[in-house]
């Protein structure tokens, strides 16, 4: 049985995700946990290779403590961004969520890391296109409003 690239990488490469699914193992009580979700079903253009390798690249780049505090990096088989593979989403409780498409895991990894830092610093997750890193310009598929915090309903 072929486990695919994600399975092969997971079996031979260490993951920076530690206890509780957090990259640094700590839960920050002031800032909610943040998720970065990478489609593992998308096939990269022009290679046609599934993006499990992309998930590993992003995990590696996000393992720097200054950027990764409170982030998890997860793979999911489909985010319905098939027309714009590779898709990557950012989510956190009470914050707007973002879906980016047409991501090149090698070329865009640095700007995804920069966006992660920006996103973590935004109380409600909202930013305009001019605030997002340059390589992500034109790659925003959706910005979805977050649900209000319990006390603000």
N, C-alpha and C. Protein backbone atom coordinates (compact mmCIF):
# COMPACT_ATOMS: atom_id res chain seq x y z
N UNK A 1 0.83 -1.17 0.00
CA UNK A 1 0.00 0.00 0.00
C UNK A 1 0.89 1.25 0.00
N UNK A 2 0.65 2.16 -0.95
CA UNK A 2 1.41 3.41 -1.03
C UNK A 2 0.82 4.42 -0.07
N UNK A 3 1.63 4.91 0.87
CA UNK A 3 1.14 5.88 1.86
C UNK A 3 1.29 7.31 1.37
N UNK A 4 1.85 7.50 0.19
CA UNK A 4 2.00 8.84 -0.35
C UNK A 4 3.17 9.59 0.27
N UNK A 5 3.43 10.74 -0.30
CA UNK A 5 4.57 11.53 0.13
C UNK A 5 4.45 12.00 1.57
N UNK A 6 3.26 12.41 1.99
CA UNK A 6 3.08 12.87 3.38
C UNK A 6 3.43 11.74 4.34
N UNK A 7 2.94 10.55 4.08
CA UNK A 7 3.22 9.40 4.94
C UNK A 7 4.69 9.06 4.97
N UNK A 8 5.34 9.09 3.80
CA UNK A 8 6.77 8.79 3.74
C UNK A 8 7.57 9.84 4.50
N UNK A 9 7.24 11.12 4.30
CA UNK A 9 7.96 12.18 5.02
C UNK A 9 7.74 12.08 6.52
N UNK A 10 6.51 11.81 6.91
CA UNK A 10 6.19 11.72 8.34
C UNK A 10 6.95 10.58 8.99
N UNK A 11 7.22 9.52 8.24
CA UNK A 11 7.90 8.37 8.84
C UNK A 11 9.41 8.56 8.94
N UNK A 12 9.98 9.48 8.14
CA UNK A 12 11.44 9.63 8.19
C UNK A 12 11.92 10.98 8.69
N UNK A 13 11.04 11.99 8.69
CA UNK A 13 11.45 13.32 9.09
C UNK A 13 10.75 13.73 10.38
N UNK A 14 11.49 14.33 11.31
CA UNK A 14 10.85 14.77 12.54
C UNK A 14 9.92 15.95 12.27
N UNK A 15 8.82 15.97 12.98
CA UNK A 15 7.89 17.08 12.86
C UNK A 15 8.16 18.07 13.97
N UNK A 16 8.14 19.38 13.65
CA UNK A 16 8.35 20.35 14.71
C UNK A 16 7.16 20.46 15.64
N UNK A 17 6.03 19.83 15.32
CA UNK A 17 4.87 19.89 16.20
C UNK A 17 5.16 19.06 17.44
N UNK A 18 4.96 19.66 18.58
CA UNK A 18 5.23 18.99 19.84
C UNK A 18 3.94 18.75 20.58
N UNK A 19 3.98 18.64 21.90
CA UNK A 19 2.81 18.32 22.69
C UNK A 19 1.67 19.31 22.45
N UNK A 20 0.47 18.85 22.60
CA UNK A 20 -0.75 19.63 22.40
C UNK A 20 -0.87 20.19 20.99
N UNK A 21 -0.09 19.67 20.03
CA UNK A 21 -0.18 20.12 18.66
C UNK A 21 0.43 21.49 18.41
N UNK A 22 1.08 22.09 19.41
CA UNK A 22 1.68 23.41 19.26
C UNK A 22 3.15 23.25 18.92
N UNK A 23 3.65 24.10 18.04
CA UNK A 23 5.03 23.99 17.61
C UNK A 23 6.01 24.15 18.76
N UNK A 24 5.70 25.02 19.72
CA UNK A 24 6.63 25.19 20.84
C UNK A 24 6.14 24.51 22.11
N UNK A 25 5.03 23.78 22.00
CA UNK A 25 4.52 23.04 23.13
C UNK A 25 3.80 23.87 24.17
N UNK A 26 3.70 25.19 23.97
CA UNK A 26 3.08 26.04 24.97
C UNK A 26 1.76 26.60 24.45
N UNK A 27 0.85 26.86 25.35
CA UNK A 27 -0.39 27.51 25.01
C UNK A 27 -0.32 28.92 25.55
N UNK A 28 -0.45 29.89 24.68
CA UNK A 28 -0.39 31.30 25.07
C UNK A 28 -1.78 31.72 25.52
N UNK A 29 -1.95 32.07 26.82
CA UNK A 29 -3.28 32.42 27.31
C UNK A 29 -3.81 33.75 26.77
N UNK A 30 -2.94 34.63 26.27
CA UNK A 30 -3.37 35.92 25.75
C UNK A 30 -3.80 35.82 24.29
N UNK A 31 -3.07 35.07 23.49
CA UNK A 31 -3.37 34.93 22.07
C UNK A 31 -3.93 33.53 21.82
N UNK A 32 -5.03 33.44 21.08
CA UNK A 32 -5.61 32.12 20.83
C UNK A 32 -4.71 31.27 19.94
N UNK A 33 -4.90 29.96 19.97
CA UNK A 33 -4.10 29.10 19.10
C UNK A 33 -4.43 29.41 17.64
N UNK A 34 -3.42 29.34 16.81
CA UNK A 34 -3.57 29.61 15.39
C UNK A 34 -3.30 28.34 14.59
N UNK A 35 -4.06 28.17 13.51
CA UNK A 35 -3.89 27.01 12.64
C UNK A 35 -3.51 27.47 11.24
N UNK A 36 -2.57 26.75 10.66
CA UNK A 36 -2.25 26.89 9.24
C UNK A 36 -2.58 25.53 8.64
N UNK A 37 -3.46 25.54 7.66
CA UNK A 37 -3.94 24.29 7.07
C UNK A 37 -3.50 24.25 5.61
N UNK A 38 -2.87 23.15 5.23
CA UNK A 38 -2.35 22.99 3.87
C UNK A 38 -3.07 21.84 3.20
N UNK A 39 -3.55 22.07 1.98
CA UNK A 39 -4.19 21.00 1.23
C UNK A 39 -3.15 19.97 0.82
N UNK A 40 -3.38 18.71 1.13
CA UNK A 40 -2.44 17.65 0.75
C UNK A 40 -2.91 16.91 -0.49
N UNK A 41 -4.08 17.25 -1.00
CA UNK A 41 -4.58 16.60 -2.21
C UNK A 41 -4.22 17.38 -3.46
N UNK A 42 -4.05 18.70 -3.32
CA UNK A 42 -3.69 19.53 -4.47
C UNK A 42 -2.43 19.00 -5.14
N UNK A 43 -2.42 19.08 -6.45
CA UNK A 43 -1.22 18.73 -7.20
C UNK A 43 -0.56 20.01 -7.64
N UNK A 44 0.72 20.12 -7.36
CA UNK A 44 1.45 21.32 -7.74
C UNK A 44 1.59 21.44 -9.25
N UNK A 45 1.52 22.65 -9.74
CA UNK A 45 1.74 22.87 -11.16
C UNK A 45 3.17 23.40 -11.30
N UNK A 46 3.93 23.02 -12.27
CA UNK A 46 3.62 22.08 -13.33
C UNK A 46 4.01 20.65 -13.02
N UNK A 47 4.55 20.37 -11.81
CA UNK A 47 5.09 19.05 -11.50
C UNK A 47 4.04 17.96 -11.43
N UNK A 48 2.81 18.31 -11.00
CA UNK A 48 1.77 17.30 -10.84
C UNK A 48 1.94 16.47 -9.59
N UNK A 49 2.89 16.82 -8.74
CA UNK A 49 3.16 16.06 -7.51
C UNK A 49 2.26 16.58 -6.40
N UNK A 50 1.71 15.66 -5.62
CA UNK A 50 0.87 16.08 -4.49
C UNK A 50 1.69 16.87 -3.50
N UNK A 51 1.04 17.69 -2.73
CA UNK A 51 1.73 18.71 -1.95
C UNK A 51 2.15 18.29 -0.55
N UNK A 52 2.25 17.03 -0.27
CA UNK A 52 2.71 16.62 1.04
C UNK A 52 4.08 17.18 1.37
N UNK A 53 4.92 17.28 0.36
CA UNK A 53 6.23 17.89 0.55
C UNK A 53 6.07 19.35 0.95
N UNK A 54 5.07 20.01 0.40
CA UNK A 54 4.81 21.41 0.74
C UNK A 54 4.47 21.55 2.22
N UNK A 55 3.71 20.62 2.75
CA UNK A 55 3.36 20.64 4.17
C UNK A 55 4.64 20.56 5.01
N UNK A 56 5.55 19.68 4.63
CA UNK A 56 6.80 19.55 5.38
C UNK A 56 7.63 20.83 5.29
N UNK A 57 7.70 21.43 4.09
CA UNK A 57 8.46 22.67 3.92
C UNK A 57 7.90 23.75 4.83
N UNK A 58 6.58 23.90 4.85
CA UNK A 58 5.96 24.94 5.68
C UNK A 58 6.16 24.65 7.16
N UNK A 59 6.05 23.39 7.56
CA UNK A 59 6.30 23.05 8.98
C UNK A 59 7.72 23.44 9.36
N UNK A 60 8.65 23.15 8.50
CA UNK A 60 10.05 23.47 8.79
C UNK A 60 10.27 24.97 8.91
N UNK A 61 9.71 25.73 7.98
CA UNK A 61 9.89 27.18 7.98
C UNK A 61 9.19 27.83 9.17
N UNK A 62 8.08 27.27 9.62
CA UNK A 62 7.32 27.86 10.72
C UNK A 62 7.82 27.42 12.09
N UNK A 63 8.87 26.62 12.12
CA UNK A 63 9.34 26.13 13.41
C UNK A 63 10.18 27.16 14.17
N UNK A 64 10.53 28.28 13.54
CA UNK A 64 11.28 29.32 14.23
C UNK A 64 10.43 29.86 15.39
N UNK A 65 10.93 29.87 16.60
CA UNK A 65 10.12 30.27 17.76
C UNK A 65 9.45 31.63 17.64
N UNK A 66 10.10 32.61 17.04
CA UNK A 66 9.50 33.95 16.96
C UNK A 66 8.23 33.94 16.10
N UNK A 67 8.16 33.07 15.10
CA UNK A 67 7.02 33.03 14.20
C UNK A 67 6.00 32.00 14.65
N UNK A 68 6.47 30.89 15.17
CA UNK A 68 5.62 29.73 15.37
C UNK A 68 4.84 29.72 16.68
N UNK A 69 5.08 30.63 17.56
CA UNK A 69 4.41 30.58 18.86
C UNK A 69 2.90 30.46 18.71
N UNK A 70 2.37 29.35 19.18
CA UNK A 70 0.93 29.14 19.16
C UNK A 70 0.38 28.60 17.85
N UNK A 71 1.19 28.35 16.84
CA UNK A 71 0.70 27.83 15.57
C UNK A 71 0.78 26.32 15.49
N UNK A 72 -0.20 25.74 14.83
CA UNK A 72 -0.11 24.36 14.39
C UNK A 72 -0.13 24.39 12.87
N UNK A 73 0.52 23.44 12.24
CA UNK A 73 0.48 23.31 10.79
C UNK A 73 -0.10 21.93 10.52
N UNK A 74 -1.23 21.91 9.81
CA UNK A 74 -1.96 20.68 9.59
C UNK A 74 -2.20 20.45 8.11
N UNK A 75 -2.36 19.21 7.74
CA UNK A 75 -2.73 18.87 6.38
C UNK A 75 -4.18 18.41 6.35
N UNK A 76 -4.87 18.73 5.26
CA UNK A 76 -6.23 18.26 5.05
C UNK A 76 -6.32 17.87 3.57
N UNK A 77 -7.12 16.86 3.28
CA UNK A 77 -7.15 16.34 1.91
C UNK A 77 -7.81 17.25 0.90
N UNK A 78 -8.67 18.15 1.28
CA UNK A 78 -9.28 19.04 0.29
C UNK A 78 -9.88 20.27 0.94
N UNK A 79 -9.63 21.43 0.34
CA UNK A 79 -10.26 22.68 0.77
C UNK A 79 -11.05 23.30 -0.38
N UNK A 80 -11.34 22.51 -1.39
CA UNK A 80 -12.14 22.94 -2.55
C UNK A 80 -11.51 24.12 -3.28
N UNK A 81 -10.20 24.20 -3.27
CA UNK A 81 -9.49 25.24 -4.02
C UNK A 81 -8.84 24.66 -5.25
N UNK A 82 -9.47 23.64 -5.81
CA UNK A 82 -8.88 22.86 -6.90
C UNK A 82 -8.47 23.70 -8.11
N UNK A 83 -9.17 24.78 -8.37
CA UNK A 83 -8.83 25.63 -9.51
C UNK A 83 -7.56 26.44 -9.24
N UNK A 84 -7.13 26.51 -7.96
CA UNK A 84 -5.95 27.31 -7.60
C UNK A 84 -5.05 26.57 -6.62
N UNK A 85 -4.60 25.36 -6.99
CA UNK A 85 -3.73 24.63 -6.06
C UNK A 85 -2.37 25.30 -5.97
N UNK A 86 -1.75 25.20 -4.99
CA UNK A 86 -1.86 24.65 -3.66
C UNK A 86 -2.59 25.65 -2.77
N UNK A 87 -3.54 25.18 -1.95
CA UNK A 87 -4.27 26.08 -1.07
C UNK A 87 -3.76 25.97 0.36
N UNK A 88 -3.73 27.13 1.02
CA UNK A 88 -3.27 27.24 2.41
C UNK A 88 -4.23 28.16 3.14
N UNK A 89 -4.68 27.75 4.33
CA UNK A 89 -5.61 28.55 5.12
C UNK A 89 -4.99 28.92 6.46
N UNK A 90 -5.42 30.07 6.98
CA UNK A 90 -5.04 30.54 8.31
C UNK A 90 -6.32 30.71 9.11
N UNK A 91 -6.36 30.16 10.34
CA UNK A 91 -7.54 30.25 11.20
C UNK A 91 -7.13 30.46 12.65
N UNK A 92 -7.98 31.13 13.39
CA UNK A 92 -7.84 31.25 14.84
C UNK A 92 -9.20 31.62 15.40
N UNK A 93 -9.53 31.15 16.60
CA UNK A 93 -10.82 31.50 17.19
C UNK A 93 -11.01 33.01 17.30
N UNK A 94 -12.19 33.48 16.88
CA UNK A 94 -12.51 34.90 16.98
C UNK A 94 -11.85 35.78 15.94
N UNK A 95 -11.13 35.20 15.00
CA UNK A 95 -10.44 35.97 13.96
C UNK A 95 -10.98 35.61 12.58
N UNK A 96 -10.82 36.56 11.66
CA UNK A 96 -11.12 36.27 10.26
C UNK A 96 -10.18 35.16 9.81
N UNK A 97 -10.68 34.27 8.96
CA UNK A 97 -9.86 33.21 8.38
C UNK A 97 -9.49 33.61 6.95
N UNK A 98 -8.35 33.14 6.49
CA UNK A 98 -7.88 33.44 5.13
C UNK A 98 -7.63 32.14 4.39
N UNK A 99 -7.96 32.15 3.11
CA UNK A 99 -7.63 31.04 2.21
C UNK A 99 -6.83 31.62 1.06
N UNK A 100 -5.63 31.11 0.88
CA UNK A 100 -4.76 31.52 -0.22
C UNK A 100 -4.67 30.37 -1.21
N UNK A 101 -4.63 30.71 -2.50
CA UNK A 101 -4.50 29.70 -3.54
C UNK A 101 -3.35 30.03 -4.47
N UNK A 102 -3.03 29.08 -5.35
CA UNK A 102 -1.92 29.21 -6.30
C UNK A 102 -0.59 29.41 -5.56
N UNK A 103 -0.44 28.71 -4.45
CA UNK A 103 0.76 28.84 -3.62
C UNK A 103 1.87 27.93 -4.15
N UNK A 104 3.06 28.47 -4.26
CA UNK A 104 4.26 27.72 -4.59
C UNK A 104 4.99 27.53 -3.26
N UNK A 105 5.04 26.30 -2.77
CA UNK A 105 5.57 26.04 -1.43
C UNK A 105 7.00 26.54 -1.26
N UNK A 106 7.80 26.43 -2.29
CA UNK A 106 9.19 26.90 -2.19
C UNK A 106 9.25 28.42 -2.24
N UNK A 107 8.67 29.01 -3.28
CA UNK A 107 8.80 30.46 -3.50
C UNK A 107 7.98 31.29 -2.52
N UNK A 108 6.82 30.77 -2.07
CA UNK A 108 5.93 31.55 -1.22
C UNK A 108 6.11 31.28 0.27
N UNK A 109 6.94 30.33 0.64
CA UNK A 109 7.08 29.96 2.05
C UNK A 109 7.47 31.14 2.92
N UNK A 110 8.41 31.96 2.47
CA UNK A 110 8.84 33.11 3.27
C UNK A 110 7.71 34.09 3.53
N UNK A 111 6.89 34.35 2.50
CA UNK A 111 5.78 35.28 2.68
C UNK A 111 4.67 34.66 3.51
N UNK A 112 4.50 33.35 3.47
CA UNK A 112 3.53 32.70 4.35
C UNK A 112 3.98 32.82 5.81
N UNK A 113 5.28 32.71 6.04
CA UNK A 113 5.83 32.89 7.39
C UNK A 113 5.59 34.34 7.84
N UNK A 114 5.83 35.30 6.96
CA UNK A 114 5.60 36.71 7.29
C UNK A 114 4.11 36.96 7.56
N UNK A 115 3.24 36.33 6.76
CA UNK A 115 1.81 36.50 7.01
C UNK A 115 1.43 35.88 8.36
N UNK A 116 2.03 34.76 8.72
CA UNK A 116 1.74 34.13 10.01
C UNK A 116 2.06 35.10 11.15
N UNK A 117 3.19 35.81 11.05
CA UNK A 117 3.54 36.80 12.09
C UNK A 117 2.52 37.92 12.13
N UNK A 118 2.14 38.42 10.96
CA UNK A 118 1.14 39.49 10.89
C UNK A 118 -0.18 39.01 11.47
N UNK A 119 -0.62 37.85 11.03
CA UNK A 119 -1.91 37.29 11.46
C UNK A 119 -1.95 37.12 12.98
N UNK A 120 -0.86 36.64 13.56
CA UNK A 120 -0.80 36.44 15.01
C UNK A 120 -0.92 37.77 15.75
N UNK A 121 -0.45 38.85 15.12
CA UNK A 121 -0.47 40.15 15.80
C UNK A 121 -1.81 40.88 15.68
N UNK A 122 -2.70 40.41 14.82
CA UNK A 122 -3.97 41.09 14.58
C UNK A 122 -5.05 40.55 15.52
N UNK A 123 -5.64 41.42 16.31
CA UNK A 123 -6.64 40.99 17.29
C UNK A 123 -7.84 40.31 16.64
N UNK A 124 -8.29 40.83 15.50
CA UNK A 124 -9.47 40.26 14.84
C UNK A 124 -9.13 39.55 13.53
N UNK A 125 -7.87 39.53 13.15
CA UNK A 125 -7.44 38.87 11.94
C UNK A 125 -7.58 39.70 10.67
N UNK A 126 -8.23 40.85 10.75
CA UNK A 126 -8.47 41.66 9.54
C UNK A 126 -7.24 42.45 9.15
N UNK A 127 -6.89 42.36 7.87
CA UNK A 127 -5.85 43.21 7.29
C UNK A 127 -6.22 43.46 5.83
N UNK A 128 -5.74 44.57 5.29
CA UNK A 128 -6.03 44.84 3.89
C UNK A 128 -4.95 44.23 3.01
N UNK A 129 -5.21 44.19 1.72
CA UNK A 129 -4.28 43.53 0.80
C UNK A 129 -2.90 44.18 0.82
N UNK A 130 -2.81 45.48 1.08
CA UNK A 130 -1.53 46.15 1.14
C UNK A 130 -0.68 45.75 2.33
N UNK A 131 -1.29 45.20 3.36
CA UNK A 131 -0.55 44.76 4.54
C UNK A 131 0.01 43.35 4.36
N UNK A 132 -0.58 42.58 3.45
CA UNK A 132 -0.12 41.21 3.23
C UNK A 132 1.19 41.20 2.46
N UNK A 133 2.04 40.21 2.70
CA UNK A 133 3.32 40.13 1.99
C UNK A 133 3.13 40.10 0.46
N UNK A 134 4.09 40.66 -0.28
CA UNK A 134 3.95 40.83 -1.72
C UNK A 134 3.62 39.58 -2.53
N UNK A 135 4.24 38.45 -2.22
CA UNK A 135 3.98 37.24 -3.01
C UNK A 135 2.56 36.71 -2.80
N UNK A 136 1.87 37.18 -1.76
CA UNK A 136 0.50 36.73 -1.53
C UNK A 136 -0.52 37.64 -2.21
N UNK A 137 -0.04 38.74 -2.80
CA UNK A 137 -0.94 39.65 -3.53
C UNK A 137 -1.58 38.87 -4.67
N UNK A 138 -2.86 38.96 -4.76
CA UNK A 138 -3.57 38.25 -5.82
C UNK A 138 -3.79 36.77 -5.55
N UNK A 139 -3.31 36.28 -4.42
CA UNK A 139 -3.48 34.87 -4.09
C UNK A 139 -4.52 34.65 -3.00
N UNK A 140 -5.16 35.73 -2.53
CA UNK A 140 -6.20 35.61 -1.52
C UNK A 140 -7.47 35.14 -2.20
N UNK A 141 -7.91 33.94 -1.86
CA UNK A 141 -9.14 33.37 -2.42
C UNK A 141 -10.33 33.84 -1.59
N UNK A 142 -10.15 33.87 -0.26
CA UNK A 142 -11.26 34.28 0.61
C UNK A 142 -10.73 34.80 1.94
N UNK A 143 -11.48 35.74 2.50
CA UNK A 143 -11.31 36.19 3.88
C UNK A 143 -12.68 36.01 4.51
N UNK A 144 -12.76 35.16 5.51
CA UNK A 144 -14.03 34.79 6.12
C UNK A 144 -14.09 35.37 7.53
N UNK A 145 -15.11 36.17 7.82
CA UNK A 145 -15.21 36.77 9.16
C UNK A 145 -15.20 35.70 10.25
N UNK A 146 -14.55 36.02 11.34
CA UNK A 146 -14.52 35.12 12.49
C UNK A 146 -15.79 35.22 13.29
N UNK A 147 -16.03 34.24 14.14
CA UNK A 147 -17.18 34.31 15.03
C UNK A 147 -16.82 35.19 16.21
N UNK A 148 -17.77 35.96 16.73
CA UNK A 148 -17.45 36.84 17.86
C UNK A 148 -17.08 36.03 19.10
N UNK A 149 -16.24 36.62 19.93
CA UNK A 149 -15.87 35.98 21.20
C UNK A 149 -17.12 35.87 22.06
N UNK A 150 -17.11 34.95 23.00
CA UNK A 150 -18.27 34.70 23.86
C UNK A 150 -18.83 35.97 24.49
N UNK A 151 -17.97 36.84 25.00
CA UNK A 151 -18.43 38.05 25.68
C UNK A 151 -18.97 39.13 24.77
N UNK A 152 -18.75 39.00 23.45
CA UNK A 152 -19.15 40.04 22.51
C UNK A 152 -20.38 39.67 21.69
N UNK A 153 -21.15 38.69 22.08
CA UNK A 153 -22.29 38.27 21.29
C UNK A 153 -23.53 39.02 21.62
